[in-house]
């Protein structure tokens, strides 16, 4: 029985049916002062629209500089419903943790070649430098592939910034990984 790669429910008689997400809660259930969580859904001119699990998106107003530091993968916990516009079916929320969330986050377009960063290896050749996207580590493949996940890298140098992508180099990479073997999974299990 297959549900085309989706989770399935089995019912009697035995047949597979796809699991459906719960329907969104109704707009009428929203109350001012209510605390909610929301996932970034859409970036707008004056802020961000958040999926709060209701049949409408909530508006979080923020500055352009703050909006550039909010990431599509962010889930904001503790949103407060400030205003519910019943006629236009709009919800306005505030987020007390907004300044803490965006503080220290880098905007790729503002980085310059030669700038020094630090970061943590998250997967093969990718490092998290606290920007909206991961940076690609440039260098000889046999050396880059010897870096280990969660390894902290200091002194990363911005090599290239283009089209929202960031490439970095690690001076001294050869010495850092000298003596390490490549991390290869054993096919036998």
N, C-alpha and C. Protein backbone atom coordinates (compact mmCIF):
# COMPACT_ATOMS: atom_id res chain seq x y z
N UNK A 1 0.85 -1.18 0.00
CA UNK A 1 0.00 0.00 0.00
C UNK A 1 0.88 1.23 0.00
N UNK A 2 0.55 2.14 -0.85
CA UNK A 2 1.38 3.33 -0.97
C UNK A 2 0.51 4.58 -0.97
N UNK A 3 1.02 5.61 -0.36
CA UNK A 3 0.36 6.91 -0.38
C UNK A 3 1.27 7.90 -1.09
N UNK A 4 2.03 7.40 -2.07
CA UNK A 4 2.93 8.23 -2.85
C UNK A 4 3.93 8.98 -1.98
N UNK A 5 4.55 8.26 -1.07
CA UNK A 5 5.59 8.84 -0.23
C UNK A 5 5.08 9.69 0.93
N UNK A 6 3.77 9.72 1.15
CA UNK A 6 3.18 10.51 2.22
C UNK A 6 2.78 9.59 3.37
N UNK A 7 2.68 10.11 4.61
CA UNK A 7 2.19 9.27 5.70
C UNK A 7 0.77 8.80 5.40
N UNK A 8 0.45 7.60 5.82
CA UNK A 8 -0.85 7.02 5.50
C UNK A 8 -1.61 6.62 6.75
N UNK A 9 -2.90 6.60 6.65
CA UNK A 9 -3.77 6.02 7.66
C UNK A 9 -4.37 4.76 7.06
N UNK A 10 -4.48 3.73 7.85
CA UNK A 10 -5.13 2.51 7.37
C UNK A 10 -6.53 2.47 7.97
N UNK A 11 -7.50 2.18 7.15
CA UNK A 11 -8.87 2.08 7.64
C UNK A 11 -9.47 0.78 7.14
N UNK A 12 -10.60 0.39 7.75
CA UNK A 12 -11.24 -0.85 7.38
C UNK A 12 -12.23 -0.59 6.28
N UNK A 13 -12.33 -1.31 5.23
CA UNK A 13 -11.42 -2.37 4.87
C UNK A 13 -10.04 -1.78 4.59
N UNK A 14 -9.03 -2.63 4.75
CA UNK A 14 -7.66 -2.13 4.69
C UNK A 14 -7.37 -1.45 3.36
N UNK A 15 -7.24 -0.16 3.44
CA UNK A 15 -6.81 0.62 2.28
C UNK A 15 -6.12 1.87 2.82
N UNK A 16 -5.17 2.33 2.09
CA UNK A 16 -4.38 3.47 2.54
C UNK A 16 -5.04 4.77 2.08
N UNK A 17 -5.05 5.74 3.00
CA UNK A 17 -5.51 7.08 2.63
C UNK A 17 -4.53 8.08 3.23
N UNK A 18 -4.20 9.15 2.50
CA UNK A 18 -3.21 10.10 2.99
C UNK A 18 -3.66 10.79 4.28
N UNK A 19 -2.70 11.07 5.15
CA UNK A 19 -3.00 11.82 6.37
C UNK A 19 -3.12 13.29 5.99
N UNK A 20 -4.20 13.89 6.39
CA UNK A 20 -4.40 15.30 6.06
C UNK A 20 -4.08 16.15 7.29
N UNK A 21 -3.43 17.30 7.07
CA UNK A 21 -3.18 18.16 8.21
C UNK A 21 -4.49 18.68 8.77
N UNK A 22 -4.53 19.02 10.05
CA UNK A 22 -5.78 19.54 10.61
C UNK A 22 -6.16 20.83 9.90
N UNK A 23 -7.45 21.06 9.73
CA UNK A 23 -7.86 22.29 9.05
C UNK A 23 -7.48 23.51 9.90
N UNK A 24 -7.23 24.64 9.24
CA UNK A 24 -6.87 25.82 10.03
C UNK A 24 -8.03 26.23 10.92
N UNK A 25 -7.67 26.81 12.05
CA UNK A 25 -8.70 27.29 12.96
C UNK A 25 -9.37 28.52 12.33
N UNK A 26 -10.55 28.79 12.76
CA UNK A 26 -11.36 29.85 12.17
C UNK A 26 -10.92 31.24 12.67
N UNK A 27 -10.99 32.21 11.79
CA UNK A 27 -10.66 33.60 12.09
C UNK A 27 -11.45 34.11 13.29
N UNK A 28 -12.68 33.66 13.43
CA UNK A 28 -13.55 34.13 14.51
C UNK A 28 -13.04 33.73 15.90
N UNK A 29 -12.13 32.77 15.98
CA UNK A 29 -11.59 32.33 17.27
C UNK A 29 -10.49 33.26 17.79
N UNK A 30 -9.99 34.17 16.96
CA UNK A 30 -8.91 35.07 17.37
C UNK A 30 -9.40 36.12 18.35
N UNK A 31 -8.57 36.44 19.35
CA UNK A 31 -8.89 37.46 20.35
C UNK A 31 -7.67 38.35 20.56
N UNK A 32 -7.89 39.63 20.74
CA UNK A 32 -6.80 40.55 21.04
C UNK A 32 -6.17 40.15 22.37
N UNK A 33 -4.83 40.20 22.41
CA UNK A 33 -4.09 39.81 23.60
C UNK A 33 -3.69 38.34 23.61
N UNK A 34 -4.25 37.56 22.71
CA UNK A 34 -3.94 36.13 22.61
C UNK A 34 -2.47 35.95 22.20
N UNK A 35 -1.81 34.93 22.77
CA UNK A 35 -0.43 34.61 22.40
C UNK A 35 -0.42 33.44 21.43
N UNK A 36 0.36 33.58 20.35
CA UNK A 36 0.41 32.57 19.30
C UNK A 36 1.84 32.36 18.84
N UNK A 37 2.06 31.32 18.08
CA UNK A 37 3.32 31.11 17.38
C UNK A 37 3.03 31.27 15.89
N UNK A 38 4.05 31.71 15.15
CA UNK A 38 3.85 31.89 13.72
C UNK A 38 5.09 31.59 12.92
N UNK A 39 4.91 31.05 11.73
CA UNK A 39 6.01 30.75 10.83
C UNK A 39 5.98 31.76 9.69
N UNK A 40 7.16 32.25 9.31
CA UNK A 40 7.25 33.23 8.24
C UNK A 40 6.66 32.64 6.96
N UNK A 41 5.74 33.38 6.33
CA UNK A 41 5.09 32.90 5.12
C UNK A 41 5.41 33.80 3.93
N UNK A 42 5.31 35.12 4.11
CA UNK A 42 5.48 36.06 3.01
C UNK A 42 6.18 37.31 3.53
N UNK A 43 7.09 37.85 2.72
CA UNK A 43 7.72 39.12 3.05
C UNK A 43 6.98 40.22 2.30
N UNK A 44 6.56 41.26 3.03
CA UNK A 44 5.83 42.36 2.42
C UNK A 44 6.63 43.65 2.46
N UNK A 45 6.01 44.71 1.95
CA UNK A 45 6.67 46.02 1.91
C UNK A 45 6.97 46.56 3.31
N UNK A 46 6.03 46.40 4.22
CA UNK A 46 6.18 47.01 5.55
C UNK A 46 6.34 45.99 6.66
N UNK A 47 6.62 44.76 6.30
CA UNK A 47 6.77 43.76 7.34
C UNK A 47 6.70 42.35 6.81
N UNK A 48 6.20 41.46 7.66
CA UNK A 48 6.18 40.04 7.35
C UNK A 48 4.80 39.49 7.64
N UNK A 49 4.33 38.59 6.78
CA UNK A 49 3.08 37.87 7.03
C UNK A 49 3.44 36.50 7.60
N UNK A 50 2.74 36.11 8.66
CA UNK A 50 3.04 34.88 9.39
C UNK A 50 1.87 33.92 9.36
N UNK A 51 2.17 32.64 9.18
CA UNK A 51 1.15 31.60 9.27
C UNK A 51 0.99 31.27 10.75
N UNK A 52 -0.16 31.59 11.30
CA UNK A 52 -0.40 31.39 12.73
C UNK A 52 -1.36 30.23 13.00
N UNK A 53 -1.65 29.44 11.96
CA UNK A 53 -2.51 28.28 12.14
C UNK A 53 -3.99 28.60 12.01
N UNK A 54 -4.32 29.82 11.63
CA UNK A 54 -5.71 30.20 11.40
C UNK A 54 -5.90 30.34 9.89
N UNK A 55 -7.13 30.64 9.47
CA UNK A 55 -7.38 30.74 8.04
C UNK A 55 -7.00 32.10 7.46
N UNK A 56 -6.24 32.90 8.21
CA UNK A 56 -5.69 34.17 7.73
C UNK A 56 -4.22 34.26 8.16
N UNK A 57 -3.47 35.08 7.46
CA UNK A 57 -2.08 35.33 7.85
C UNK A 57 -2.04 36.56 8.76
N UNK A 58 -1.13 36.56 9.71
CA UNK A 58 -0.98 37.69 10.63
C UNK A 58 0.11 38.62 10.13
N UNK A 59 -0.08 39.92 10.32
CA UNK A 59 0.89 40.92 9.89
C UNK A 59 1.75 41.35 11.06
N UNK A 60 3.06 41.24 10.86
CA UNK A 60 4.03 41.75 11.84
C UNK A 60 4.75 42.91 11.18
N UNK A 61 4.49 44.13 11.67
CA UNK A 61 5.14 45.30 11.08
C UNK A 61 6.56 45.42 11.63
N UNK A 62 7.51 45.69 10.73
CA UNK A 62 8.90 45.87 11.14
C UNK A 62 9.61 46.72 10.10
N UNK A 63 10.77 47.23 10.47
CA UNK A 63 11.52 48.08 9.56
C UNK A 63 12.14 47.25 8.44
N UNK A 64 12.59 47.93 7.39
CA UNK A 64 13.22 47.26 6.27
C UNK A 64 14.49 46.53 6.73
N UNK A 65 15.28 47.15 7.60
CA UNK A 65 16.51 46.53 8.10
C UNK A 65 16.19 45.26 8.91
N UNK A 66 15.15 45.30 9.72
CA UNK A 66 14.76 44.11 10.49
C UNK A 66 14.24 43.02 9.55
N UNK A 67 13.46 43.42 8.56
CA UNK A 67 12.87 42.44 7.63
C UNK A 67 13.96 41.68 6.88
N UNK A 68 15.06 42.34 6.53
CA UNK A 68 16.14 41.67 5.82
C UNK A 68 16.82 40.62 6.71
N UNK A 69 16.67 40.74 8.02
CA UNK A 69 17.32 39.80 8.94
C UNK A 69 16.37 38.73 9.47
N UNK A 70 15.13 38.76 9.02
CA UNK A 70 14.18 37.70 9.35
C UNK A 70 14.28 36.68 8.22
N UNK A 71 14.35 35.40 8.58
CA UNK A 71 14.57 34.36 7.59
C UNK A 71 13.29 33.58 7.35
N UNK A 72 13.18 33.06 6.14
CA UNK A 72 11.99 32.31 5.75
C UNK A 72 11.77 31.09 6.66
N UNK A 73 12.81 30.58 7.28
CA UNK A 73 12.69 29.40 8.14
C UNK A 73 12.35 29.74 9.59
N UNK A 74 12.25 31.03 9.91
CA UNK A 74 12.00 31.43 11.30
C UNK A 74 10.60 31.07 11.76
N UNK A 75 10.52 30.58 12.99
CA UNK A 75 9.25 30.38 13.69
C UNK A 75 9.30 31.29 14.90
N UNK A 76 8.37 32.23 14.97
CA UNK A 76 8.35 33.21 16.06
C UNK A 76 7.38 32.74 17.13
N UNK A 77 7.88 32.57 18.33
CA UNK A 77 7.07 32.07 19.44
C UNK A 77 6.74 33.22 20.39
N UNK A 78 5.48 33.32 20.77
CA UNK A 78 5.06 34.36 21.69
C UNK A 78 4.58 35.63 21.00
N UNK A 79 3.98 35.48 19.82
CA UNK A 79 3.38 36.63 19.14
C UNK A 79 2.13 37.05 19.90
N UNK A 80 1.93 38.35 20.05
CA UNK A 80 0.74 38.86 20.74
C UNK A 80 -0.19 39.47 19.70
N UNK A 81 -1.46 39.04 19.71
CA UNK A 81 -2.46 39.61 18.81
C UNK A 81 -2.79 41.02 19.33
N UNK A 82 -2.47 42.02 18.53
CA UNK A 82 -2.70 43.41 18.93
C UNK A 82 -4.03 43.94 18.42
N UNK A 83 -4.39 43.54 17.20
CA UNK A 83 -5.61 44.08 16.60
C UNK A 83 -6.21 43.03 15.66
N UNK A 84 -7.51 42.84 15.77
CA UNK A 84 -8.25 41.97 14.85
C UNK A 84 -9.24 42.87 14.10
N UNK A 85 -9.06 43.01 12.79
CA UNK A 85 -9.97 43.81 11.96
C UNK A 85 -11.01 42.86 11.38
N UNK A 86 -12.18 42.85 11.97
CA UNK A 86 -13.20 41.88 11.61
C UNK A 86 -13.71 42.05 10.18
N UNK A 87 -13.93 43.31 9.75
CA UNK A 87 -14.49 43.55 8.42
C UNK A 87 -13.51 43.15 7.32
N UNK A 88 -12.24 43.54 7.47
CA UNK A 88 -11.25 43.25 6.42
C UNK A 88 -10.53 41.92 6.64
N UNK A 89 -10.85 41.24 7.74
CA UNK A 89 -10.25 39.95 8.10
C UNK A 89 -8.73 40.03 8.15
N UNK A 90 -8.23 41.03 8.88
CA UNK A 90 -6.80 41.21 9.08
C UNK A 90 -6.45 41.05 10.54
N UNK A 91 -5.26 40.49 10.76
CA UNK A 91 -4.76 40.30 12.13
C UNK A 91 -3.39 40.97 12.21
N UNK A 92 -3.21 41.81 13.21
CA UNK A 92 -1.92 42.47 13.44
C UNK A 92 -1.34 41.92 14.74
N UNK A 93 -0.06 41.54 14.69
CA UNK A 93 0.60 40.98 15.86
C UNK A 93 1.87 41.78 16.17
N UNK A 94 2.33 41.63 17.40
CA UNK A 94 3.63 42.20 17.79
C UNK A 94 4.48 41.06 18.31
N UNK A 95 5.80 41.30 18.34
CA UNK A 95 6.73 40.27 18.80
C UNK A 95 7.80 40.95 19.64
N UNK A 96 7.74 40.73 20.96
CA UNK A 96 8.69 41.37 21.86
C UNK A 96 10.13 40.94 21.61
N UNK A 97 10.35 39.76 21.06
CA UNK A 97 11.69 39.25 20.84
C UNK A 97 12.30 39.62 19.50
N UNK A 98 11.66 40.54 18.75
CA UNK A 98 12.14 40.86 17.41
C UNK A 98 13.55 41.43 17.40
N UNK A 99 13.85 42.37 18.27
CA UNK A 99 15.19 42.96 18.29
C UNK A 99 16.25 41.92 18.63
N UNK A 100 15.95 41.04 19.59
CA UNK A 100 16.90 39.98 19.94
C UNK A 100 17.08 39.00 18.79
N UNK A 101 16.01 38.73 18.06
CA UNK A 101 16.07 37.78 16.94
C UNK A 101 16.99 38.28 15.84
N UNK A 102 16.88 39.54 15.47
CA UNK A 102 17.63 40.05 14.32
C UNK A 102 19.02 40.57 14.68
N UNK A 103 19.26 40.79 15.97
CA UNK A 103 20.57 41.33 16.37
C UNK A 103 21.68 40.34 16.04
N UNK A 104 22.69 40.81 15.38
CA UNK A 104 23.84 39.98 15.06
C UNK A 104 23.70 39.16 13.79
N UNK A 105 22.51 39.13 13.20
CA UNK A 105 22.34 38.41 11.95
C UNK A 105 22.93 39.22 10.80
N UNK A 106 23.62 38.55 9.92
CA UNK A 106 24.27 39.22 8.80
C UNK A 106 23.37 39.23 7.57
N UNK A 107 23.48 40.29 6.79
CA UNK A 107 22.79 40.39 5.51
C UNK A 107 23.85 40.19 4.43
N UNK A 108 23.68 39.17 3.62
CA UNK A 108 24.71 38.80 2.64
C UNK A 108 25.09 39.97 1.73
N UNK A 109 24.11 40.74 1.30
CA UNK A 109 24.41 41.85 0.39
C UNK A 109 25.31 42.91 1.02
N UNK A 110 25.38 42.96 2.34
CA UNK A 110 26.21 43.96 3.02
C UNK A 110 27.63 43.46 3.30
N UNK A 111 27.90 42.19 3.04
CA UNK A 111 29.24 41.65 3.26
C UNK A 111 30.15 42.03 2.11
N UNK A 112 31.42 42.21 2.40
CA UNK A 112 32.40 42.61 1.39
C UNK A 112 33.51 41.59 1.30
N UNK A 113 34.10 41.49 0.12
CA UNK A 113 35.21 40.57 -0.11
C UNK A 113 36.34 40.89 0.87
N UNK A 114 36.89 39.85 1.48
CA UNK A 114 37.98 40.02 2.43
C UNK A 114 37.52 40.15 3.88
N UNK A 115 36.23 40.36 4.09
CA UNK A 115 35.71 40.49 5.46
C UNK A 115 35.91 39.17 6.21
N UNK A 116 36.25 39.25 7.50
CA UNK A 116 36.52 38.07 8.31
C UNK A 116 35.26 37.69 9.09
N UNK A 117 34.92 36.39 9.05
CA UNK A 117 33.75 35.85 9.73
C UNK A 117 34.14 34.62 10.54
N UNK A 118 33.23 34.18 11.37
CA UNK A 118 33.39 32.88 12.02
C UNK A 118 32.10 32.11 11.81
N UNK A 119 32.17 30.80 11.94
CA UNK A 119 30.98 30.01 11.72
C UNK A 119 31.17 28.57 12.16
N UNK A 120 30.12 27.79 11.98
CA UNK A 120 30.09 26.40 12.38
C UNK A 120 29.77 25.54 11.16
N UNK A 121 30.56 24.48 10.96
CA UNK A 121 30.32 23.57 9.84
C UNK A 121 29.00 22.85 10.09
N UNK A 122 28.10 22.91 9.09
CA UNK A 122 26.79 22.27 9.23
C UNK A 122 26.66 21.04 8.34
N UNK A 123 27.40 20.98 7.26
CA UNK A 123 27.41 19.79 6.39
C UNK A 123 28.62 19.92 5.48
N UNK A 124 28.79 18.96 4.61
CA UNK A 124 29.93 18.95 3.72
C UNK A 124 30.03 20.27 2.96
N UNK A 125 31.09 21.02 3.20
CA UNK A 125 31.42 22.27 2.50
C UNK A 125 30.49 23.44 2.82
N UNK A 126 29.59 23.31 3.78
CA UNK A 126 28.71 24.42 4.16
C UNK A 126 28.95 24.82 5.60
N UNK A 127 28.97 26.14 5.82
CA UNK A 127 29.21 26.66 7.16
C UNK A 127 28.15 27.72 7.47
N UNK A 128 27.63 27.68 8.70
CA UNK A 128 26.65 28.66 9.17
C UNK A 128 27.41 29.85 9.73
N UNK A 129 27.27 31.01 9.09
CA UNK A 129 27.97 32.22 9.53
C UNK A 129 26.98 33.25 10.08
N UNK A 130 25.79 32.80 10.47
CA UNK A 130 24.73 33.64 11.02
C UNK A 130 24.23 34.64 9.98
N UNK A 131 24.05 34.17 8.77
CA UNK A 131 23.45 34.96 7.69
C UNK A 131 22.22 34.21 7.21
N UNK A 132 21.47 34.82 6.30
CA UNK A 132 20.23 34.19 5.88
C UNK A 132 20.45 32.91 5.07
N UNK A 133 21.66 32.71 4.57
CA UNK A 133 22.00 31.48 3.86
C UNK A 133 23.33 30.95 4.37
N UNK A 134 23.55 29.67 4.19
CA UNK A 134 24.84 29.07 4.57
C UNK A 134 25.89 29.48 3.56
N UNK A 135 27.14 29.53 3.99
CA UNK A 135 28.25 29.88 3.11
C UNK A 135 28.92 28.61 2.61
N UNK A 136 29.38 28.65 1.37
CA UNK A 136 30.10 27.55 0.77
C UNK A 136 31.59 27.75 1.03
N UNK A 137 32.26 26.72 1.54
CA UNK A 137 33.69 26.80 1.81
C UNK A 137 34.44 26.41 0.54
N UNK A 138 35.24 27.34 0.03
CA UNK A 138 36.03 27.08 -1.17
C UNK A 138 37.38 26.51 -0.76
N UNK A 139 37.92 25.66 -1.59
CA UNK A 139 39.23 25.08 -1.33
C UNK A 139 39.32 23.72 -1.98
N UNK A 140 40.47 23.08 -1.87
CA UNK A 140 40.61 21.74 -2.44
C UNK A 140 39.60 20.78 -1.82
N UNK A 141 38.91 20.08 -2.67
CA UNK A 141 37.82 19.19 -2.23
C UNK A 141 38.28 18.20 -1.16
N UNK A 142 39.47 17.59 -1.37
CA UNK A 142 39.93 16.58 -0.41
C UNK A 142 40.19 17.20 0.97
N UNK A 143 40.46 18.50 1.03
CA UNK A 143 40.67 19.16 2.32
C UNK A 143 39.35 19.64 2.93
N UNK A 144 38.49 20.24 2.11
CA UNK A 144 37.20 20.74 2.59
C UNK A 144 36.37 19.59 3.15
N UNK A 145 36.42 18.43 2.50
CA UNK A 145 35.61 17.29 2.94
C UNK A 145 36.12 16.68 4.25
N UNK A 146 37.26 17.09 4.73
CA UNK A 146 37.78 16.59 6.01
C UNK A 146 37.28 17.42 7.20
N UNK A 147 36.65 18.55 6.94
CA UNK A 147 36.07 19.33 8.04
C UNK A 147 34.93 18.54 8.64
N UNK A 148 34.76 18.68 9.95
CA UNK A 148 33.74 17.89 10.66
C UNK A 148 32.54 18.73 11.04
N UNK A 149 31.38 18.11 10.99
CA UNK A 149 30.14 18.79 11.39
C UNK A 149 30.28 19.33 12.82
N UNK A 150 29.76 20.52 13.05
CA UNK A 150 29.78 21.24 14.33
C UNK A 150 31.17 21.79 14.67
N UNK A 151 32.12 21.66 13.77
CA UNK A 151 33.45 22.24 13.99
C UNK A 151 33.33 23.76 13.85
N UNK A 152 33.88 24.49 14.80
CA UNK A 152 33.83 25.95 14.78
C UNK A 152 35.05 26.46 14.01
N UNK A 153 34.77 27.33 13.04
CA UNK A 153 35.83 27.87 12.20
C UNK A 153 35.96 29.38 12.43
N UNK A 154 37.13 29.80 12.85
CA UNK A 154 37.42 31.22 13.03
C UNK A 154 38.26 31.68 11.85
N UNK A 155 38.16 32.95 11.49
CA UNK A 155 39.01 33.52 10.46
C UNK A 155 38.59 33.20 9.04
N UNK A 156 37.30 32.86 8.83
CA UNK A 156 36.81 32.65 7.47
C UNK A 156 36.87 33.98 6.72
N UNK A 157 37.35 33.96 5.50
CA UNK A 157 37.49 35.19 4.71
C UNK A 157 36.48 35.15 3.56
N UNK A 158 35.66 36.20 3.45
CA UNK A 158 34.68 36.28 2.36
C UNK A 158 35.43 36.33 1.03
N UNK A 159 35.15 35.36 0.17
CA UNK A 159 35.81 35.29 -1.13
C UNK A 159 34.94 35.90 -2.23
N UNK A 160 33.61 35.68 -2.12
CA UNK A 160 32.73 36.16 -3.18
C UNK A 160 31.31 36.28 -2.64
N UNK A 161 30.64 37.37 -3.04
CA UNK A 161 29.23 37.57 -2.73
C UNK A 161 28.55 37.87 -4.06
N UNK A 162 27.60 36.99 -4.43
CA UNK A 162 26.89 37.23 -5.68
C UNK A 162 25.52 36.56 -5.65
N UNK A 163 24.54 37.30 -6.13
CA UNK A 163 23.17 36.81 -6.24
C UNK A 163 22.68 36.14 -4.96
N UNK A 164 22.97 36.74 -3.82
CA UNK A 164 22.50 36.22 -2.55
C UNK A 164 23.25 35.00 -2.06
N UNK A 165 24.35 34.65 -2.70
CA UNK A 165 25.15 33.50 -2.28
C UNK A 165 26.48 33.99 -1.74
N UNK A 166 27.01 33.24 -0.79
CA UNK A 166 28.23 33.63 -0.10
C UNK A 166 29.25 32.49 -0.18
N UNK A 167 30.46 32.81 -0.64
CA UNK A 167 31.55 31.85 -0.68
C UNK A 167 32.65 32.36 0.25
N UNK A 168 33.24 31.46 1.04
CA UNK A 168 34.30 31.83 1.97
C UNK A 168 35.49 30.90 1.80
N UNK A 169 36.65 31.37 2.23
CA UNK A 169 37.87 30.55 2.26
C UNK A 169 38.35 30.51 3.70
N UNK A 170 39.01 29.42 4.05
CA UNK A 170 39.59 29.27 5.38
C UNK A 170 41.10 29.23 5.24
N UNK A 171 41.79 30.34 5.54
CA UNK A 171 43.25 30.31 5.50
C UNK A 171 43.77 29.24 6.46
N UNK A 172 44.78 28.52 6.04
CA UNK A 172 45.35 27.47 6.87
C UNK A 172 44.55 26.19 6.87
N UNK A 173 43.67 26.02 5.90
CA UNK A 173 42.83 24.82 5.83
C UNK A 173 43.68 23.56 5.74
N UNK A 174 44.73 23.60 4.95
CA UNK A 174 45.57 22.41 4.76
C UNK A 174 46.17 21.95 6.09
N UNK A 175 46.69 22.90 6.88
CA UNK A 175 47.29 22.55 8.17
C UNK A 175 46.22 22.08 9.16
N UNK A 176 45.03 22.68 9.08
CA UNK A 176 43.97 22.33 10.02
C UNK A 176 43.52 20.89 9.86
N UNK A 177 43.45 20.40 8.64
CA UNK A 177 42.93 19.06 8.41
C UNK A 177 44.03 18.02 8.17
N UNK A 178 45.29 18.44 8.28
CA UNK A 178 46.40 17.50 8.08
C UNK A 178 46.26 16.32 9.05
N UNK A 179 46.43 15.13 8.54
CA UNK A 179 46.36 13.93 9.38
C UNK A 179 44.96 13.37 9.53
N UNK A 180 43.96 14.10 9.10
CA UNK A 180 42.58 13.59 9.19
C UNK A 180 42.28 12.77 7.95
N UNK A 181 41.54 11.73 8.13
CA UNK A 181 41.06 10.96 6.98
C UNK A 181 39.72 11.50 6.53
N UNK A 182 39.33 11.16 5.32
CA UNK A 182 38.01 11.54 4.85
C UNK A 182 36.96 10.79 5.65
N UNK A 183 35.87 11.46 5.96
CA UNK A 183 34.77 10.82 6.68
C UNK A 183 33.89 10.13 5.65
N UNK A 184 33.98 8.81 5.60
CA UNK A 184 33.23 8.02 4.63
C UNK A 184 32.36 7.03 5.41
N UNK A 185 31.09 6.94 5.01
CA UNK A 185 30.20 5.98 5.66
C UNK A 185 30.53 4.58 5.18
N UNK A 186 30.51 3.64 6.11
CA UNK A 186 30.76 2.24 5.78
C UNK A 186 29.52 1.66 5.12
N UNK A 187 29.61 1.22 3.86
CA UNK A 187 28.42 0.71 3.16
C UNK A 187 27.86 -0.57 3.78
N UNK A 188 28.65 -1.27 4.57
CA UNK A 188 28.16 -2.52 5.16
C UNK A 188 27.30 -2.29 6.38
N UNK A 189 27.21 -1.01 6.81
CA UNK A 189 26.28 -0.74 7.91
C UNK A 189 27.00 -0.38 9.10
